[in-house]
Amino acid sequence: MAEAIEEGVARVNEVLEKAPRQKGHETQARFLCDQGGEALSGLRAACDRAEEAVGRDAWPLPKYRDLLFLV
């Protein structure tokens, strides 16, 4: 599980390093939208799996579901 999160962070960082090398703002924006969105989605999925696997008593932060439905 931790490996998947580390891989996700590495992928996001890789995309962020490549983005400035794209020619023009529109090309950079499309690159970040496509590649960045895909990388962030993978990282989010890994984090969601970790959050579900760890018990509430051991998870120091509000869980995503708590943040969504906190009123």
Protein backbone atom coordinates (compact mmCIF):
# COMPACT_ATOMS: atom_id res chain seq x y z
CA MET A 1 0.00 0.00 0.00
CA ALA A 2 2.76 2.45 0.92
CA GLU A 3 4.60 1.45 -2.26
CA ALA A 4 1.59 2.43 -4.36
CA ILE A 5 1.47 5.83 -2.66
CA GLU A 6 5.20 6.36 -3.18
CA GLU A 7 4.86 5.38 -6.83
CA GLY A 8 1.93 7.77 -7.20
CA VAL A 9 3.90 10.64 -5.71
CA ALA A 10 6.85 9.84 -7.98
CA ARG A 11 4.54 9.84 -11.02
CA VAL A 12 3.05 13.23 -10.07
CA ASN A 13 6.54 14.66 -9.57
CA GLU A 14 7.62 13.26 -12.94
CA VAL A 15 4.71 15.01 -14.65
CA LEU A 16 5.48 18.27 -12.84
CA GLU A 17 9.11 18.07 -13.97
CA LYS A 18 8.12 17.48 -17.60
CA ALA A 19 5.43 20.17 -17.77
CA PRO A 20 7.75 23.20 -18.13
CA ARG A 21 9.44 21.53 -21.12
CA GLN A 22 6.20 21.59 -23.08
CA LYS A 23 6.14 24.31 -25.74
CA GLY A 24 3.60 27.04 -25.03
CA HIS A 25 1.05 27.58 -22.31
CA GLU A 26 -1.74 25.76 -24.10
CA THR A 27 0.42 22.69 -24.64
CA GLN A 28 1.52 22.77 -21.00
CA ALA A 29 -2.10 23.07 -19.87
CA ARG A 30 -3.18 20.12 -22.01
CA PHE A 31 -0.21 18.06 -20.78
CA LEU A 32 -1.03 18.80 -17.14
CA CYS A 33 -4.71 18.12 -17.71
CA ASP A 34 -4.08 14.78 -19.38
CA GLN A 35 -0.92 13.44 -17.76
CA GLY A 36 -1.31 15.29 -14.46
CA GLY A 37 -4.93 14.30 -14.06
CA GLU A 38 -4.07 10.67 -14.72
CA ALA A 39 -1.17 10.76 -12.24
CA LEU A 40 -3.25 12.44 -9.55
CA SER A 41 -6.08 9.99 -10.07
CA GLY A 42 -3.70 7.07 -9.51
CA LEU A 43 -2.30 8.66 -6.36
CA ARG A 44 -5.79 9.39 -5.09
CA ALA A 45 -6.82 5.76 -5.59
CA ALA A 46 -3.80 4.54 -3.61
CA CYS A 47 -4.53 6.99 -0.79
CA ASP A 48 -8.20 5.98 -0.74
CA ARG A 49 -7.21 2.31 -0.38
CA ALA A 50 -4.90 3.18 2.50
CA GLU A 51 -7.58 5.23 4.20
CA GLU A 52 -10.07 2.37 3.94
CA ALA A 53 -7.57 -0.19 5.28
CA VAL A 54 -6.52 1.80 8.36
CA GLY A 55 -8.87 1.92 11.32
CA ARG A 56 -10.36 5.24 12.41
CA ASP A 57 -8.46 5.10 15.71
CA ALA A 58 -5.10 4.87 13.91
CA TRP A 59 -5.85 7.45 11.17
CA PRO A 60 -4.80 10.86 12.54
CA LEU A 61 -6.63 12.95 9.92
CA PRO A 62 -10.30 13.32 9.05
CA LYS A 63 -11.23 10.67 6.54
CA TYR A 64 -12.41 11.77 3.10
CA ARG A 65 -15.97 10.66 3.81
CA ASP A 66 -15.96 12.79 6.99
CA LEU A 67 -14.87 15.84 5.00
CA LEU A 68 -17.53 15.26 2.35
CA PHE A 69 -20.39 14.97 4.77
CA LEU A 70 -19.22 17.33 7.51
CA VAL A 71 -21.90 19.98 7.90
